[in-house]
Structure formats: C-alpha cells, structure tokens
Amino acid sequence: MLYIVATPIGNLEDITLRALRVLKEVDYIAAEDTRHTRKLLTHYDIKTRLVSFHEHSKEEKQDWIIGELRDGRDIALVSDAGTPLISDPGAVLVRKVIEQGIAVTSLPGACAAITAVTLAGIGGSFCFFGFLSKKTGERKRQIDEIKSSAIPTVIYESPHALSATLQAFFEAMGGQRHIVVAKELTKLHERVFSGTLDEACGMFHGDLKGEYVLVLDGCADEAAEVSDSDIAAAINACLDVGMTKKDAAKAASDKLGISKNRAYRLTL
C-alpha cells in the first residue's frame, strides 16, 4: 500500500499516533527532502529507510516505487511539511499508483491552509490557490479571479515576494479588502495579522523572514451593496470622457470592487 502521510508544518508534536506507527512499519519512506525528513524521524527514533522523491524526480524513480509496491512492500509518501500534494509533489505518482490498481490511503494531519483558515475565523467555503504563478500574464489572471471571488481565498507566499504580492492585491482591489496574514504557523515565532490590505502593505515590507499564508476575504459583501444603477453611472462617467466600453467597465470594476464581467454586461 502507498500511504500519504501528513507531517508537522512546524511544531514536531503536530503528528498523529497513526502517522508515527505507519512511518515505523512501512518498508520505505519517500521524502521530498531526505535531510529534512530525517530530523523528524530522528526526533521519534524511527529508523525506516528513506528514499528521495521530489518534483524533479525522473520517471524511473516513479517506476521504481510502483515496482516496490507491486512486490508487496509498503511505502509512505511525505513532503517537507504538511499534507503531500497540497502545493507539494506527489500528484502524478499517486495517480499512476491508482491506475495500477495498487491500494492508496491518506492519513489526515497538519496542513498550513486549513490552519490559516481556522485562525481567520472562516466557516464554510474557501478557494485554495497555493503559490501564485511566477508568469506575469498568468499571475495577473489569478489576481483578477481572486478579486472577483465571492468566497475567501487562501494563498501561500514566500518572504521575499510577500510585499510585492500584497501591493498587487492592493492595486487590484483597493485598500479596504480584509486579509489575514499568518506567519510561521505552529512555530515559535508564529504571528497572525488581521486587517485591511492597506494596513498589511504598511506592515509587511523590507527584509521579511518566514513562511506566510494569506487568507483574503471574498468580494460578495461589498459587491452586493453595489446596484446596477451605481455601476451604470460609473461606466457612463468613464464613457463621457472618451473611454472605450472595455476600459470603462474595467475602471468601474476597480472603483466599485465588482467583477469586470458584471460591469461589462451593463455596457452591452
């Protein structure tokens, strides 16, 4: 069997008894970074053999793992922290194992996204983006989608890119959208900021350290307060100064915090 095993995102005590037992009993542990995982295993005196498996592993490594599973060996798949496949490697391997008819099970446990959502006080639906694209066009498309989302969005971000990401959100959505910025979750220096984008931009800049999870409120509440007549008035004001319908719709959406599609429909 292939076991998908969640490991701590910071505090080593955040691991289940079942996960510890499975890590001890399997034949191999396939780890994103064997050096990182060895620290966890050493802490719990687990001596199971480690093998490397990460996003750059060649197809031969996947075939080797599948071959070992076929031969009756049990393997645990772990990432550096949290639940494998959630912005971590493993999805392709898991799909191939399933296609081969080999048993797969997942052991629930630590996940940075879920931890941040609970700290943000969200109940119900949310959208998980993970890390935004590094490609300019795709990143802009993602930010536009997040801006228009009616439900909260969870984003992972690195310290060197956090300030630029917050600024991009500010420019796209204005300064009043509510955001939670969680730093170093479960670790000694855990910090959770809750406030507006304007406040977040002023707080998170310069030489930042740590790993961050952002929880950005959806636009449903603010968009619901904007009537079609308000949107039409904003569009007409833009058209009166010579803007095209497309540009007028975008300007109205930026000003009122609504989706571009909603604004553009009122120009037709």
C-alpha atoms as a PDB file:
ATOM      1  CA  MET A   1       0.000   0.000   0.000  1.00  0.00           C
ATOM      2  CA  LEU A   2       1.019   3.605  -0.603  1.00  0.00           C
ATOM      3  CA  TYR A   3       0.403   5.755   2.471  1.00  0.00           C
ATOM      4  CA  ILE A   4       0.086   9.535   2.006  1.00  0.00           C
ATOM      5  CA  VAL A   5       1.263  10.838   5.367  1.00  0.00           C
ATOM      6  CA  ALA A   6       0.843  14.383   6.690  1.00  0.00           C
ATOM      7  CA  THR A   7       3.783  15.628   8.761  1.00  0.00           C
ATOM      8  CA  PRO A   8       4.154  18.707  11.022  1.00  0.00           C
ATOM      9  CA  ILE A   9       4.297  22.174   9.439  1.00  0.00           C
ATOM     10  CA  GLY A  10       6.498  23.421  12.257  1.00  0.00           C
ATOM     11  CA  ASN A  11       5.859  22.031  15.722  1.00  0.00           C
ATOM     12  CA  LEU A  12       7.068  18.413  15.772  1.00  0.00           C
ATOM     13  CA  GLU A  13       4.313  17.461  18.221  1.00  0.00           C
ATOM     14  CA  ASP A  14       1.709  18.012  15.485  1.00  0.00           C
ATOM     15  CA  ILE A  15       1.799  14.464  14.176  1.00  0.00           C
ATOM     16  CA  THR A  16      -0.744  11.739  14.777  1.00  0.00           C
ATOM     17  CA  LEU A  17      -0.124   8.458  16.571  1.00  0.00           C
ATOM     18  CA  ARG A  18      -1.243   6.640  13.427  1.00  0.00           C
ATOM     19  CA  ALA A  19       1.287   8.531  11.294  1.00  0.00           C
ATOM     20  CA  LEU A  20       4.103   7.615  13.675  1.00  0.00           C
ATOM     21  CA  ARG A  21       3.087   3.954  13.594  1.00  0.00           C
ATOM     22  CA  VAL A  22       2.892   3.864   9.796  1.00  0.00           C
ATOM     23  CA  LEU A  23       6.260   5.593   9.394  1.00  0.00           C
ATOM     24  CA  LYS A  24       7.787   2.926  11.637  1.00  0.00           C
ATOM     25  CA  GLU A  25       6.119  -0.028   9.934  1.00  0.00           C
ATOM     26  CA  VAL A  26       6.466   0.726   6.191  1.00  0.00           C
ATOM     27  CA  ASP A  27       9.399  -0.580   4.165  1.00  0.00           C
ATOM     28  CA  TYR A  28      10.360   2.818   2.734  1.00  0.00           C
ATOM     29  CA  ILE A  29       9.572   6.492   3.256  1.00  0.00           C
ATOM     30  CA  ALA A  30       9.602   8.504   0.021  1.00  0.00           C
ATOM     31  CA  ALA A  31      10.529  12.035   1.105  1.00  0.00           C
ATOM     32  CA  GLU A  32      10.670  15.373  -0.704  1.00  0.00           C
ATOM     33  CA  ASP A  33      13.947  16.162   1.099  1.00  0.00           C
ATOM     34  CA  THR A  34      15.505  13.246   2.980  1.00  0.00           C
ATOM     35  CA  ARG A  35      17.634  15.557   5.135  1.00  0.00           C
ATOM     36  CA  HIS A  36      14.589  17.462   6.301  1.00  0.00           C
ATOM     37  CA  THR A  37      12.518  14.339   6.988  1.00  0.00           C
ATOM     38  CA  ARG A  38      15.397  12.677   8.820  1.00  0.00           C
ATOM     39  CA  LYS A  39      15.125  15.344  11.543  1.00  0.00           C
ATOM     40  CA  LEU A  40      11.532  14.265  12.200  1.00  0.00           C
ATOM     41  CA  LEU A  41      12.428  10.568  12.154  1.00  0.00           C
ATOM     42  CA  THR A  42      15.384  11.105  14.489  1.00  0.00           C
ATOM     43  CA  HIS A  43      13.150  13.007  16.915  1.00  0.00           C
ATOM     44  CA  TYR A  44      10.817   9.988  17.138  1.00  0.00           C
ATOM     45  CA  ASP A  45      13.535   7.335  16.843  1.00  0.00           C
ATOM     46  CA  ILE A  46      12.198   5.989  13.545  1.00  0.00           C
ATOM     47  CA  LYS A  47      14.780   4.073  11.544  1.00  0.00           C
ATOM     48  CA  THR A  48      12.812   3.294   8.361  1.00  0.00           C
ATOM     49  CA  ARG A  49      14.831   3.609   5.152  1.00  0.00           C
ATOM     50  CA  LEU A  50      14.438   6.952   3.370  1.00  0.00           C
ATOM     51  CA  VAL A  51      14.340   7.370  -0.411  1.00  0.00           C
ATOM     52  CA  SER A  52      14.210  10.666  -2.253  1.00  0.00           C
ATOM     53  CA  PHE A  53      11.118  11.653  -4.229  1.00  0.00           C
ATOM     54  CA  HIS A  54      10.501  15.262  -5.262  1.00  0.00           C
ATOM     55  CA  GLU A  55       9.115  17.358  -8.126  1.00  0.00           C
ATOM     56  CA  HIS A  56      12.274  16.863 -10.197  1.00  0.00           C
ATOM     57  CA  SER A  57      12.480  13.091  -9.721  1.00  0.00           C
ATOM     58  CA  LYS A  58      12.756  11.236 -13.006  1.00  0.00           C
ATOM     59  CA  GLU A  59      10.125   8.836 -14.261  1.00  0.00           C
ATOM     60  CA  GLU A  60      12.446   5.957 -13.376  1.00  0.00           C
ATOM     61  CA  LYS A  61      12.020   6.807  -9.682  1.00  0.00           C
ATOM     62  CA  GLN A  62       8.224   6.636 -10.017  1.00  0.00           C
ATOM     63  CA  ASP A  63       8.565   3.289 -11.790  1.00  0.00           C
ATOM     64  CA  TRP A  64      10.840   2.012  -9.013  1.00  0.00           C
ATOM     65  CA  ILE A  65       8.323   2.992  -6.326  1.00  0.00           C
ATOM     66  CA  ILE A  66       5.474   1.347  -8.244  1.00  0.00           C
ATOM     67  CA  GLY A  67       7.606  -1.769  -8.717  1.00  0.00           C
ATOM     68  CA  GLU A  68       8.292  -1.992  -4.984  1.00  0.00           C
ATOM     69  CA  LEU A  69       4.582  -1.601  -4.243  1.00  0.00           C
ATOM     70  CA  ARG A  70       3.760  -4.371  -6.740  1.00  0.00           C
ATOM     71  CA  ASP A  71       6.253  -6.618  -4.986  1.00  0.00           C
ATOM     72  CA  GLY A  72       4.280  -6.248  -1.769  1.00  0.00           C
ATOM     73  CA  ARG A  73       6.205  -3.526   0.004  1.00  0.00           C
ATOM     74  CA  ASP A  74       4.542  -0.651   1.839  1.00  0.00           C
ATOM     75  CA  ILE A  75       5.709   2.908   1.180  1.00  0.00           C
ATOM     76  CA  ALA A  76       4.882   6.184   2.927  1.00  0.00           C
ATOM     77  CA  LEU A  77       4.921   9.405   0.910  1.00  0.00           C
ATOM     78  CA  VAL A  78       5.784  12.580   2.827  1.00  0.00           C
ATOM     79  CA  SER A  79       6.565  16.172   1.882  1.00  0.00           C
ATOM     80  CA  ASP A  80       8.812  18.578   3.776  1.00  0.00           C
ATOM     81  CA  ALA A  81       5.872  19.802   5.839  1.00  0.00           C
ATOM     82  CA  GLY A  82       2.114  19.376   5.915  1.00  0.00           C
ATOM     83  CA  THR A  83      -0.023  17.214   3.657  1.00  0.00           C
ATOM     84  CA  PRO A  84       1.599  15.863   0.459  1.00  0.00           C
ATOM     85  CA  LEU A  85       0.093  17.024  -2.869  1.00  0.00           C
ATOM     86  CA  ILE A  86      -1.173  20.295  -1.320  1.00  0.00           C
ATOM     87  CA  SER A  87       1.262  22.599  -3.186  1.00  0.00           C
ATOM     88  CA  ASP A  88       3.763  19.759  -2.805  1.00  0.00           C
ATOM     89  CA  PRO A  89       4.955  16.922  -5.087  1.00  0.00           C
ATOM     90  CA  GLY A  90       3.221  13.589  -5.439  1.00  0.00           C
ATOM     91  CA  ALA A  91       0.070  14.020  -7.524  1.00  0.00           C
ATOM     92  CA  VAL A  92       1.450  12.304 -10.636  1.00  0.00           C
ATOM     93  CA  LEU A  93       2.813   9.385  -8.607  1.00  0.00           C
ATOM     94  CA  VAL A  94      -0.467   8.903  -6.729  1.00  0.00           C
ATOM     95  CA  ARG A  95      -2.470   8.892  -9.976  1.00  0.00           C
ATOM     96  CA  LYS A  96      -0.126   6.304 -11.503  1.00  0.00           C
ATOM     97  CA  VAL A  97      -0.346   4.093  -8.418  1.00  0.00           C
ATOM     98  CA  ILE A  98      -4.147   4.248  -8.549  1.00  0.00           C
ATOM     99  CA  GLU A  99      -4.119   3.435 -12.273  1.00  0.00           C
ATOM    100  CA  GLN A 100      -2.063   0.326 -11.470  1.00  0.00           C
ATOM    101  CA  GLY A 101      -4.754  -0.866  -9.083  1.00  0.00           C
ATOM    102  CA  ILE A 102      -2.470  -0.542  -6.060  1.00  0.00           C
ATOM    103  CA  ALA A 103      -4.084   0.439  -2.762  1.00  0.00           C
ATOM    104  CA  VAL A 104      -3.637   4.037  -1.605  1.00  0.00           C
ATOM    105  CA  THR A 105      -4.699   5.596   1.682  1.00  0.00           C
ATOM    106  CA  SER A 106      -4.223   9.084   3.110  1.00  0.00           C
ATOM    107  CA  LEU A 107      -3.522   9.833   6.770  1.00  0.00           C
ATOM    108  CA  PRO A 108      -5.013  13.203   7.785  1.00  0.00           C
ATOM    109  CA  GLY A 109      -2.901  15.679   9.673  1.00  0.00           C
ATOM    110  CA  ALA A 110      -1.239  19.083   9.565  1.00  0.00           C
ATOM    111  CA  CYS A 111      -1.993  21.451   6.668  1.00  0.00           C
ATOM    112  CA  ALA A 112      -0.979  25.126   6.601  1.00  0.00           C
ATOM    113  CA  ALA A 113      -4.006  26.161   4.535  1.00  0.00           C
ATOM    114  CA  ILE A 114      -6.522  24.612   6.939  1.00  0.00           C
ATOM    115  CA  THR A 115      -4.684  26.002   9.970  1.00  0.00           C
ATOM    116  CA  ALA A 116      -4.778  29.520   8.493  1.00  0.00           C
ATOM    117  CA  VAL A 117      -8.467  29.227   7.575  1.00  0.00           C
ATOM    118  CA  THR A 118      -9.389  28.361  11.157  1.00  0.00           C
ATOM    119  CA  LEU A 119      -7.293  31.235  12.507  1.00  0.00           C
ATOM    120  CA  ALA A 120      -9.060  33.584  10.085  1.00  0.00           C
ATOM    121  CA  GLY A 121     -12.419  32.571  11.543  1.00  0.00           C
ATOM    122  CA  ILE A 122     -13.788  31.293   8.248  1.00  0.00           C
ATOM    123  CA  GLY A 123     -16.696  28.904   8.303  1.00  0.00           C
ATOM    124  CA  GLY A 124     -17.789  27.311   5.056  1.00  0.00           C
ATOM    125  CA  SER A 125     -16.369  27.539   1.550  1.00  0.00           C
ATOM    126  CA  PHE A 126     -12.997  28.892   0.503  1.00  0.00           C
ATOM    127  CA  CYS A 127     -10.782  28.749  -2.581  1.00  0.00           C
ATOM    128  CA  PHE A 128      -7.198  27.441  -2.327  1.00  0.00           C
ATOM    129  CA  PHE A 129      -4.649  28.851  -4.783  1.00  0.00           C
ATOM    130  CA  GLY A 130      -1.379  27.814  -3.180  1.00  0.00           C
ATOM    131  CA  PHE A 131       1.522  29.772  -4.667  1.00  0.00           C
ATOM    132  CA  LEU A 132       0.589  32.235  -7.404  1.00  0.00           C
ATOM    133  CA  SER A 133       2.194  31.799 -10.820  1.00  0.00           C
ATOM    134  CA  LYS A 134       5.546  33.477 -11.478  1.00  0.00           C
ATOM    135  CA  LYS A 135       4.463  34.183 -15.069  1.00  0.00           C
ATOM    136  CA  THR A 136       3.244  37.779 -15.359  1.00  0.00           C
ATOM    137  CA  GLY A 137       0.184  37.111 -17.506  1.00  0.00           C
ATOM    138  CA  GLU A 138      -0.998  34.082 -15.554  1.00  0.00           C
ATOM    139  CA  ARG A 139      -0.369  35.849 -12.248  1.00  0.00           C
ATOM    140  CA  LYS A 140      -2.492  38.818 -13.347  1.00  0.00           C
ATOM    141  CA  ARG A 141      -5.291  36.457 -14.409  1.00  0.00           C
ATOM    142  CA  GLN A 142      -5.154  34.749 -10.998  1.00  0.00           C
ATOM    143  CA  ILE A 143      -5.295  38.075  -9.143  1.00  0.00           C
ATOM    144  CA  ASP A 144      -8.301  39.146 -11.232  1.00  0.00           C
ATOM    145  CA  GLU A 145     -10.004  35.855 -10.362  1.00  0.00           C
ATOM    146  CA  ILE A 146      -9.254  36.296  -6.657  1.00  0.00           C
ATOM    147  CA  LYS A 147     -10.541  39.868  -6.789  1.00  0.00           C
ATOM    148  CA  SER A 148     -13.878  38.705  -8.206  1.00  0.00           C
ATOM    149  CA  SER A 149     -14.257  35.643  -5.971  1.00  0.00           C
ATOM    150  CA  ALA A 150     -17.288  35.690  -3.686  1.00  0.00           C
ATOM    151  CA  ILE A 151     -15.581  33.361  -1.207  1.00  0.00           C
ATOM    152  CA  PRO A 152     -12.308  33.757   0.738  1.00  0.00           C
ATOM    153  CA  THR A 153      -9.069  32.769  -0.983  1.00  0.00           C
ATOM    154  CA  VAL A 154      -6.032  31.077   0.593  1.00  0.00           C
ATOM    155  CA  ILE A 155      -2.592  31.812  -0.876  1.00  0.00           C
ATOM    156  CA  TYR A 156       0.886  30.651   0.096  1.00  0.00           C
ATOM    157  CA  GLU A 157       3.731  33.166  -0.233  1.00  0.00           C
ATOM    158  CA  SER A 158       7.472  33.308   0.369  1.00  0.00           C
ATOM    159  CA  PRO A 159       9.038  36.131   2.423  1.00  0.00           C
ATOM    160  CA  HIS A 160      10.889  37.752  -0.499  1.00  0.00           C
ATOM    161  CA  ALA A 161       7.700  38.019  -2.591  1.00  0.00           C
ATOM    162  CA  LEU A 162       5.150  38.869   0.125  1.00  0.00           C
ATOM    163  CA  SER A 163       5.413  42.654  -0.116  1.00  0.00           C
ATOM    164  CA  ALA A 164       5.011  42.656  -3.917  1.00  0.00           C
ATOM    165  CA  THR A 165       2.026  40.295  -3.712  1.00  0.00           C
ATOM    166  CA  LEU A 166       0.257  42.449  -1.125  1.00  0.00           C
ATOM    167  CA  GLN A 167       0.904  45.521  -3.261  1.00  0.00           C
ATOM    168  CA  ALA A 168      -0.520  43.756  -6.327  1.00  0.00           C
ATOM    169  CA  PHE A 169      -3.667  42.884  -4.363  1.00  0.00           C
ATOM    170  CA  PHE A 170      -3.905  46.482  -3.140  1.00  0.00           C
ATOM    171  CA  GLU A 171      -3.655  47.867  -6.672  1.00  0.00           C
ATOM    172  CA  ALA A 172      -6.263  45.406  -7.975  1.00  0.00           C
ATOM    173  CA  MET A 173      -8.765  45.559  -5.100  1.00  0.00           C
ATOM    174  CA  GLY A 174      -8.185  48.760  -3.206  1.00  0.00           C
ATOM    175  CA  GLY A 175      -7.051  49.051   0.388  1.00  0.00           C
ATOM    176  CA  GLN A 176     -10.179  48.051   2.298  1.00  0.00           C
ATOM    177  CA  ARG A 177     -10.410  44.325   1.465  1.00  0.00           C
ATOM    178  CA  HIS A 178      -9.874  42.328   4.663  1.00  0.00           C
ATOM    179  CA  ILE A 179      -6.882  39.967   4.832  1.00  0.00           C
ATOM    180  CA  VAL A 180      -5.291  37.629   7.354  1.00  0.00           C
ATOM    181  CA  VAL A 181      -1.525  37.146   7.088  1.00  0.00           C
ATOM    182  CA  ALA A 182      -0.288  34.155   9.084  1.00  0.00           C
ATOM    183  CA  LYS A 183       3.459  33.804   9.613  1.00  0.00           C
ATOM    184  CA  GLU A 184       5.379  30.704  10.726  1.00  0.00           C
ATOM    185  CA  LEU A 185       2.282  28.733  11.721  1.00  0.00           C
ATOM    186  CA  THR A 186       2.734  26.417  14.753  1.00  0.00           C
ATOM    187  CA  LYS A 187       6.337  27.614  15.203  1.00  0.00           C
ATOM    188  CA  LEU A 188       7.942  29.644  17.993  1.00  0.00           C
ATOM    189  CA  HIS A 189       7.567  32.932  16.102  1.00  0.00           C
ATOM    190  CA  GLU A 190       4.003  32.377  14.892  1.00  0.00           C
ATOM    191  CA  ARG A 191       2.235  35.666  14.225  1.00  0.00           C
ATOM    192  CA  VAL A 192      -1.245  36.303  12.811  1.00  0.00           C
ATOM    193  CA  PHE A 193      -2.178  39.718  11.399  1.00  0.00           C
ATOM    194  CA  SER A 194      -5.821  40.549  10.689  1.00  0.00           C
ATOM    195  CA  GLY A 195      -6.758  43.821   9.000  1.00  0.00           C
ATOM    196  CA  THR A 196      -7.124  45.621   5.682  1.00  0.00           C
ATOM    197  CA  LEU A 197      -4.866  45.339   2.654  1.00  0.00           C
ATOM    198  CA  ASP A 198      -3.824  48.939   3.258  1.00  0.00           C
ATOM    199  CA  GLU A 199      -2.653  48.065   6.770  1.00  0.00           C
ATOM    200  CA  ALA A 200      -0.959  44.857   5.598  1.00  0.00           C
ATOM    201  CA  CYS A 201       1.053  46.703   2.937  1.00  0.00           C
ATOM    202  CA  GLY A 202       2.274  49.111   5.591  1.00  0.00           C
ATOM    203  CA  MET A 203       3.259  46.310   7.957  1.00  0.00           C
ATOM    204  CA  PHE A 204       4.886  43.707   5.690  1.00  0.00           C
ATOM    205  CA  HIS A 205       7.783  45.225   3.786  1.00  0.00           C
ATOM    206  CA  GLY A 206      11.564  45.268   3.841  1.00  0.00           C
ATOM    207  CA  ASP A 207      13.639  42.228   4.815  1.00  0.00           C
ATOM    208  CA  LEU A 208      10.982  39.670   5.750  1.00  0.00           C
ATOM    209  CA  LYS A 209      11.597  36.155   7.034  1.00  0.00           C
ATOM    210  CA  GLY A 210       9.492  33.030   7.496  1.00  0.00           C
ATOM    211  CA  GLU A 211       6.719  31.342   5.541  1.00  0.00           C
ATOM    212  CA  TYR A 212       3.364  33.018   5.039  1.00  0.00           C
ATOM    213  CA  VAL A 213      -0.246  32.018   4.402  1.00  0.00           C
ATOM    214  CA  LEU A 214      -2.699  34.700   3.253  1.00  0.00           C
ATOM    215  CA  VAL A 215      -6.478  34.478   3.659  1.00  0.00           C
ATOM    216  CA  LEU A 216      -8.176  37.159   1.599  1.00  0.00           C
ATOM    217  CA  ASP A 217     -11.876  37.895   2.079  1.00  0.00           C
ATOM    218  CA  GLY A 218     -14.265  37.385  -0.809  1.00  0.00           C
ATOM    219  CA  CYS A 219     -15.917  40.317  -2.557  1.00  0.00           C
ATOM    220  CA  ALA A 220     -19.529  39.171  -2.038  1.00  0.00           C
ATOM    221  CA  ASP A 221     -20.421  41.545   0.784  1.00  0.00           C
ATOM    222  CA  GLU A 222     -19.058  44.697  -0.796  1.00  0.00           C
ATOM    223  CA  ALA A 223     -20.261  43.784  -4.293  1.00  0.00           C
ATOM    224  CA  ALA A 224     -23.752  43.037  -3.018  1.00  0.00           C
ATOM    225  CA  GLU A 225     -24.086  46.664  -1.870  1.00  0.00           C
ATOM    226  CA  VAL A 226     -23.432  47.997  -5.385  1.00  0.00           C
ATOM    227  CA  SER A 227     -26.558  48.308  -7.519  1.00  0.00           C
ATOM    228  CA  ASP A 228     -26.705  48.101 -11.299  1.00  0.00           C
ATOM    229  CA  SER A 229     -27.618  51.786 -11.416  1.00  0.00           C
ATOM    230  CA  ASP A 230     -24.461  52.657  -9.446  1.00  0.00           C
ATOM    231  CA  ILE A 231     -22.375  50.619 -11.875  1.00  0.00           C
ATOM    232  CA  ALA A 232     -24.069  52.160 -14.902  1.00  0.00           C
ATOM    233  CA  ALA A 233     -23.413  55.665 -13.545  1.00  0.00           C
ATOM    234  CA  ALA A 234     -19.723  54.880 -13.065  1.00  0.00           C
ATOM    235  CA  ILE A 235     -19.500  53.417 -16.572  1.00  0.00           C
ATOM    236  CA  ASN A 236     -21.275  56.389 -18.155  1.00  0.00           C
ATOM    237  CA  ALA A 237     -18.922  58.799 -16.418  1.00  0.00           C
ATOM    238  CA  CYS A 238     -15.990  56.958 -17.998  1.00  0.00           C
ATOM    239  CA  LEU A 239     -17.648  56.831 -21.409  1.00  0.00           C
ATOM    240  CA  ASP A 240     -18.293  60.590 -21.235  1.00  0.00           C
ATOM    241  CA  VAL A 241     -14.545  61.241 -21.084  1.00  0.00           C
ATOM    242  CA  GLY A 242     -13.870  59.096 -24.144  1.00  0.00           C
ATOM    243  CA  MET A 243     -13.081  55.649 -22.682  1.00  0.00           C
ATOM    244  CA  THR A 244     -13.971  52.529 -24.645  1.00  0.00           C
ATOM    245  CA  LYS A 245     -16.663  50.243 -23.222  1.00  0.00           C
ATOM    246  CA  LYS A 246     -13.999  47.719 -22.201  1.00  0.00           C
ATOM    247  CA  ASP A 247     -11.870  50.313 -20.398  1.00  0.00           C
ATOM    248  CA  ALA A 248     -14.932  51.907 -18.807  1.00  0.00           C
ATOM    249  CA  ALA A 249     -16.061  48.535 -17.464  1.00  0.00           C
ATOM    250  CA  LYS A 250     -12.605  47.865 -16.009  1.00  0.00           C
ATOM    251  CA  ALA A 251     -12.448  51.308 -14.411  1.00  0.00           C
ATOM    252  CA  ALA A 252     -15.898  50.819 -12.878  1.00  0.00           C
ATOM    253  CA  SER A 253     -14.983  47.374 -11.552  1.00  0.00           C
ATOM    254  CA  ASP A 254     -11.789  48.752  -9.968  1.00  0.00           C
ATOM    255  CA  LYS A 255     -13.634  51.668  -8.397  1.00  0.00           C
ATOM    256  CA  LEU A 256     -16.603  49.703  -7.056  1.00  0.00           C
ATOM    257  CA  GLY A 257     -14.911  46.389  -6.223  1.00  0.00           C
ATOM    258  CA  ILE A 258     -17.062  44.295  -8.550  1.00  0.00           C
ATOM    259  CA  SER A 259     -16.181  41.788 -11.252  1.00  0.00           C
ATOM    260  CA  LYS A 260     -15.260  43.101 -14.692  1.00  0.00           C
ATOM    261  CA  ASN A 261     -17.757  40.706 -16.248  1.00  0.00           C
ATOM    262  CA  ARG A 262     -20.630  42.239 -14.257  1.00  0.00           C
ATOM    263  CA  ALA A 263     -19.616  45.746 -15.295  1.00  0.00           C
ATOM    264  CA  TYR A 264     -19.070  44.850 -18.934  1.00  0.00           C
ATOM    265  CA  ARG A 265     -22.514  43.242 -19.222  1.00  0.00           C
ATOM    266  CA  LEU A 266     -24.054  46.626 -18.395  1.00  0.00           C
ATOM    267  CA  THR A 267     -22.278  48.246 -21.356  1.00  0.00           C
ATOM    268  CA  LEU A 268     -23.989  45.928 -23.866  1.00  0.00           C
END
